[in-house]
Amino acid sequence: MSRPTAEALDDAAIESFLETQSVGTLSLAKGDESYAVPVAFTYDPADRDVYFRLGYAPESRKREFIDATERATFVVADETEAGWTSVLARGRPEHRSTVDDLDTHRPSDRSVSQAERDAEIPFYHVFDAPEEAVFALVRLAVDELTGVVEADGR
């Protein structure tokens, strides 16, 4: 009986996989504390960045950790026809805008990419959001993108 092994994915396979997925786990850190949260996302193959729509309730831990994290890790995994596939993206998370108005709530450099304007990030409601919740577009400025797929270990 052979044991499965893992093979690295090339850039095209990573892009193809990410374009078929909609949810992953974003891992953040503040000092010696970690925080991981499942989030919906969209991937922009032009700049290889990942975008999230995050909801922040008053005193949100997620917002606190986004603001404190220098380098986040985002993982997407799923069982595919080839076997288990996973992609890991690392980079700096940065607030880009509120979702409600990209034209008036721009990042400090005043730039808004086409990917941000076209972001089609699914809304997932795990619980009822408080009325005071604010939704923001966050970009993971990816500096490392890797992937693996389960391979036959013969």
C-alpha atoms as a PDB file:
ATOM      1  CA  MET A   1       0.000   0.000   0.000  1.00  0.00           C
ATOM      2  CA  SER A   2       1.456   3.341  -1.057  1.00  0.00           C
ATOM      3  CA  ARG A   3       1.246   6.495   0.984  1.00  0.00           C
ATOM      4  CA  PRO A   4       0.278   9.755  -0.666  1.00  0.00           C
ATOM      5  CA  THR A   5       2.942  12.409  -0.900  1.00  0.00           C
ATOM      6  CA  ALA A   6       2.725  16.067  -1.818  1.00  0.00           C
ATOM      7  CA  GLU A   7       3.794  17.790  -5.022  1.00  0.00           C
ATOM      8  CA  ALA A   8       4.351  21.522  -5.346  1.00  0.00           C
ATOM      9  CA  LEU A   9       1.877  23.446  -7.485  1.00  0.00           C
ATOM     10  CA  ASP A  10       3.154  25.791 -10.182  1.00  0.00           C
ATOM     11  CA  ASP A  11       1.801  29.345 -10.525  1.00  0.00           C
ATOM     12  CA  ALA A  12      -0.863  28.359 -13.066  1.00  0.00           C
ATOM     13  CA  ALA A  13      -2.165  25.545 -10.831  1.00  0.00           C
ATOM     14  CA  ILE A  14      -2.231  27.856  -7.800  1.00  0.00           C
ATOM     15  CA  GLU A  15      -4.197  30.470  -9.751  1.00  0.00           C
ATOM     16  CA  SER A  16      -6.613  27.880 -11.100  1.00  0.00           C
ATOM     17  CA  PHE A  17      -7.231  26.452  -7.622  1.00  0.00           C
ATOM     18  CA  LEU A  18      -7.785  29.851  -5.983  1.00  0.00           C
ATOM     19  CA  GLU A  19     -10.251  30.868  -8.691  1.00  0.00           C
ATOM     20  CA  THR A  20     -12.441  27.856  -7.779  1.00  0.00           C
ATOM     21  CA  GLN A  21     -12.492  28.560  -4.031  1.00  0.00           C
ATOM     22  CA  SER A  22     -14.320  31.139  -1.931  1.00  0.00           C
ATOM     23  CA  VAL A  23     -13.383  30.501   1.722  1.00  0.00           C
ATOM     24  CA  GLY A  24     -10.112  30.077   3.595  1.00  0.00           C
ATOM     25  CA  THR A  25      -8.561  30.709   7.005  1.00  0.00           C
ATOM     26  CA  LEU A  26      -6.820  33.989   7.768  1.00  0.00           C
ATOM     27  CA  SER A  27      -4.267  33.759  10.589  1.00  0.00           C
ATOM     28  CA  LEU A  28      -3.194  36.915  12.398  1.00  0.00           C
ATOM     29  CA  ALA A  29      -0.911  37.718  15.330  1.00  0.00           C
ATOM     30  CA  LYS A  30      -0.609  40.384  18.002  1.00  0.00           C
ATOM     31  CA  GLY A  31       2.412  40.020  20.231  1.00  0.00           C
ATOM     32  CA  ASP A  32       2.434  36.415  21.411  1.00  0.00           C
ATOM     33  CA  GLU A  33      -1.281  35.879  20.713  1.00  0.00           C
ATOM     34  CA  SER A  34      -2.653  34.341  17.518  1.00  0.00           C
ATOM     35  CA  TYR A  35      -6.091  34.627  15.959  1.00  0.00           C
ATOM     36  CA  ALA A  36      -7.452  32.644  13.013  1.00  0.00           C
ATOM     37  CA  VAL A  37     -10.782  33.242  11.329  1.00  0.00           C
ATOM     38  CA  PRO A  38     -12.559  31.653   8.350  1.00  0.00           C
ATOM     39  CA  VAL A  39     -13.188  34.319   5.713  1.00  0.00           C
ATOM     40  CA  ALA A  40     -14.584  34.660   2.209  1.00  0.00           C
ATOM     41  CA  PHE A  41     -12.095  35.967  -0.337  1.00  0.00           C
ATOM     42  CA  THR A  42     -11.351  36.765  -3.928  1.00  0.00           C
ATOM     43  CA  TYR A  43      -7.996  36.355  -5.662  1.00  0.00           C
ATOM     44  CA  ASP A  44      -6.544  38.834  -8.140  1.00  0.00           C
ATOM     45  CA  PRO A  45      -4.183  36.968 -10.496  1.00  0.00           C
ATOM     46  CA  ALA A  46      -2.839  40.224 -11.975  1.00  0.00           C
ATOM     47  CA  ASP A  47      -1.124  41.299  -8.763  1.00  0.00           C
ATOM     48  CA  ARG A  48      -1.361  37.930  -6.940  1.00  0.00           C
ATOM     49  CA  ASP A  49      -3.084  39.555  -3.965  1.00  0.00           C
ATOM     50  CA  VAL A  50      -6.027  38.291  -1.943  1.00  0.00           C
ATOM     51  CA  TYR A  51      -8.984  40.465  -0.925  1.00  0.00           C
ATOM     52  CA  PHE A  52     -11.373  39.987   1.990  1.00  0.00           C
ATOM     53  CA  ARG A  53     -14.558  41.742   3.074  1.00  0.00           C
ATOM     54  CA  LEU A  54     -14.369  41.813   6.852  1.00  0.00           C
ATOM     55  CA  GLY A  55     -17.103  42.829   9.246  1.00  0.00           C
ATOM     56  CA  TYR A  56     -16.056  44.690  12.389  1.00  0.00           C
ATOM     57  CA  ALA A  57     -18.400  44.980  15.335  1.00  0.00           C
ATOM     58  CA  PRO A  58     -17.570  47.476  18.085  1.00  0.00           C
ATOM     59  CA  GLU A  59     -14.472  46.313  19.984  1.00  0.00           C
ATOM     60  CA  SER A  60     -13.782  43.730  17.275  1.00  0.00           C
ATOM     61  CA  ARG A  61     -10.884  41.387  18.008  1.00  0.00           C
ATOM     62  CA  LYS A  62     -10.509  40.823  14.275  1.00  0.00           C
ATOM     63  CA  ARG A  63      -9.907  44.532  13.660  1.00  0.00           C
ATOM     64  CA  GLU A  64      -7.481  44.678  16.572  1.00  0.00           C
ATOM     65  CA  PHE A  65      -5.483  41.746  15.152  1.00  0.00           C
ATOM     66  CA  ILE A  66      -5.560  43.047  11.538  1.00  0.00           C
ATOM     67  CA  ASP A  67      -4.132  46.360  12.743  1.00  0.00           C
ATOM     68  CA  ALA A  68      -1.389  44.633  14.783  1.00  0.00           C
ATOM     69  CA  THR A  69      -0.315  41.992  12.241  1.00  0.00           C
ATOM     70  CA  GLU A  70       2.831  42.721  10.234  1.00  0.00           C
ATOM     71  CA  ARG A  71       2.642  39.508   8.172  1.00  0.00           C
ATOM     72  CA  ALA A  72      -0.468  37.318   7.971  1.00  0.00           C
ATOM     73  CA  THR A  73      -0.926  33.799   6.663  1.00  0.00           C
ATOM     74  CA  PHE A  74      -3.949  32.774   4.598  1.00  0.00           C
ATOM     75  CA  VAL A  75      -4.651  29.097   3.843  1.00  0.00           C
ATOM     76  CA  VAL A  76      -7.142  27.603   1.392  1.00  0.00           C
ATOM     77  CA  ALA A  77      -7.583  23.816   1.279  1.00  0.00           C
ATOM     78  CA  ASP A  78     -10.005  21.501  -0.481  1.00  0.00           C
ATOM     79  CA  GLU A  79     -10.299  17.973  -1.757  1.00  0.00           C
ATOM     80  CA  THR A  80      -9.981  18.006  -5.556  1.00  0.00           C
ATOM     81  CA  GLU A  81      -9.943  15.318  -8.229  1.00  0.00           C
ATOM     82  CA  ALA A  82      -6.157  15.185  -7.835  1.00  0.00           C
ATOM     83  CA  GLY A  83      -6.420  14.781  -4.041  1.00  0.00           C
ATOM     84  CA  TRP A  84      -6.115  17.281  -1.217  1.00  0.00           C
ATOM     85  CA  THR A  85      -4.885  20.623  -2.469  1.00  0.00           C
ATOM     86  CA  SER A  86      -3.817  23.579  -0.375  1.00  0.00           C
ATOM     87  CA  VAL A  87      -2.449  27.023  -1.070  1.00  0.00           C
ATOM     88  CA  LEU A  88      -0.694  29.241   1.439  1.00  0.00           C
ATOM     89  CA  ALA A  89      -0.365  33.000   0.950  1.00  0.00           C
ATOM     90  CA  ARG A  90       1.676  35.250   3.210  1.00  0.00           C
ATOM     91  CA  GLY A  91       1.888  38.994   3.244  1.00  0.00           C
ATOM     92  CA  ARG A  92       0.914  42.245   4.881  1.00  0.00           C
ATOM     93  CA  PRO A  93      -2.796  42.864   5.508  1.00  0.00           C
ATOM     94  CA  GLU A  94      -3.935  46.400   4.773  1.00  0.00           C
ATOM     95  CA  HIS A  95      -7.265  48.172   4.933  1.00  0.00           C
ATOM     96  CA  ARG A  96      -8.209  49.477   1.514  1.00  0.00           C
ATOM     97  CA  SER A  97     -11.668  50.972   2.001  1.00  0.00           C
ATOM     98  CA  THR A  98     -15.063  50.573   3.475  1.00  0.00           C
ATOM     99  CA  VAL A  99     -17.116  48.361   1.211  1.00  0.00           C
ATOM    100  CA  ASP A 100     -19.888  50.943   0.972  1.00  0.00           C
ATOM    101  CA  ASP A 101     -17.945  53.613  -0.862  1.00  0.00           C
ATOM    102  CA  LEU A 102     -14.684  52.858  -2.664  1.00  0.00           C
ATOM    103  CA  ASP A 103     -14.547  56.330  -4.165  1.00  0.00           C
ATOM    104  CA  THR A 104     -14.483  58.306  -0.920  1.00  0.00           C
ATOM    105  CA  HIS A 105     -12.776  55.829   1.416  1.00  0.00           C
ATOM    106  CA  ARG A 106      -9.525  55.148  -0.370  1.00  0.00           C
ATOM    107  CA  PRO A 107      -6.210  54.031   1.062  1.00  0.00           C
ATOM    108  CA  SER A 108      -3.794  56.813   1.986  1.00  0.00           C
ATOM    109  CA  ASP A 109      -2.015  56.555  -1.383  1.00  0.00           C
ATOM    110  CA  ARG A 110      -5.428  57.242  -3.066  1.00  0.00           C
ATOM    111  CA  SER A 111      -5.127  54.175  -5.294  1.00  0.00           C
ATOM    112  CA  VAL A 112      -7.923  51.696  -5.878  1.00  0.00           C
ATOM    113  CA  SER A 113      -7.200  48.792  -8.189  1.00  0.00           C
ATOM    114  CA  GLN A 114      -9.702  47.385 -10.637  1.00  0.00           C
ATOM    115  CA  ALA A 115      -9.676  44.174  -8.587  1.00  0.00           C
ATOM    116  CA  GLU A 116     -10.919  46.148  -5.592  1.00  0.00           C
ATOM    117  CA  ARG A 117     -13.678  47.793  -7.626  1.00  0.00           C
ATOM    118  CA  ASP A 118     -14.730  44.421  -9.039  1.00  0.00           C
ATOM    119  CA  ALA A 119     -14.296  42.399  -5.828  1.00  0.00           C
ATOM    120  CA  GLU A 120     -16.981  39.758  -5.800  1.00  0.00           C
ATOM    121  CA  ILE A 121     -16.499  38.423  -2.324  1.00  0.00           C
ATOM    122  CA  PRO A 122     -19.396  36.311  -1.090  1.00  0.00           C
ATOM    123  CA  PHE A 123     -21.159  37.396   2.088  1.00  0.00           C
ATOM    124  CA  TYR A 124     -21.296  34.643   4.694  1.00  0.00           C
ATOM    125  CA  HIS A 125     -23.324  35.280   7.830  1.00  0.00           C
ATOM    126  CA  VAL A 126     -22.326  33.127  10.763  1.00  0.00           C
ATOM    127  CA  PHE A 127     -24.333  35.237  13.197  1.00  0.00           C
ATOM    128  CA  ASP A 128     -26.436  38.375  13.076  1.00  0.00           C
ATOM    129  CA  ALA A 129     -24.177  41.392  12.738  1.00  0.00           C
ATOM    130  CA  PRO A 130     -24.817  44.248  15.161  1.00  0.00           C
ATOM    131  CA  GLU A 131     -26.208  47.412  13.581  1.00  0.00           C
ATOM    132  CA  GLU A 132     -22.953  49.225  14.389  1.00  0.00           C
ATOM    133  CA  ALA A 133     -20.879  46.765  12.347  1.00  0.00           C
ATOM    134  CA  VAL A 134     -18.633  48.237   9.682  1.00  0.00           C
ATOM    135  CA  PHE A 135     -17.580  46.244   6.633  1.00  0.00           C
ATOM    136  CA  ALA A 136     -14.139  46.891   5.188  1.00  0.00           C
ATOM    137  CA  LEU A 137     -12.173  45.694   2.208  1.00  0.00           C
ATOM    138  CA  VAL A 138      -8.800  44.290   3.263  1.00  0.00           C
ATOM    139  CA  ARG A 139      -6.022  43.336   0.878  1.00  0.00           C
ATOM    140  CA  LEU A 140      -3.385  40.766   1.707  1.00  0.00           C
ATOM    141  CA  ALA A 141      -0.381  42.160  -0.177  1.00  0.00           C
ATOM    142  CA  VAL A 142       1.073  38.732  -0.961  1.00  0.00           C
ATOM    143  CA  ASP A 143       4.842  38.306  -0.889  1.00  0.00           C
ATOM    144  CA  GLU A 144       4.836  34.485  -0.743  1.00  0.00           C
ATOM    145  CA  LEU A 145       2.423  32.151  -2.537  1.00  0.00           C
ATOM    146  CA  THR A 146       2.883  28.379  -2.486  1.00  0.00           C
ATOM    147  CA  GLY A 147       0.706  25.343  -2.995  1.00  0.00           C
ATOM    148  CA  VAL A 148       0.760  21.573  -2.779  1.00  0.00           C
ATOM    149  CA  VAL A 149      -1.383  18.764  -4.100  1.00  0.00           C
ATOM    150  CA  GLU A 150      -1.586  15.237  -2.824  1.00  0.00           C
ATOM    151  CA  ALA A 151       0.243  12.894  -5.188  1.00  0.00           C
ATOM    152  CA  ASP A 152       0.260   9.124  -5.549  1.00  0.00           C
ATOM    153  CA  GLY A 153       3.173   7.821  -3.467  1.00  0.00           C
ATOM    154  CA  ARG A 154       4.114   4.904  -5.742  1.00  0.00           C
END
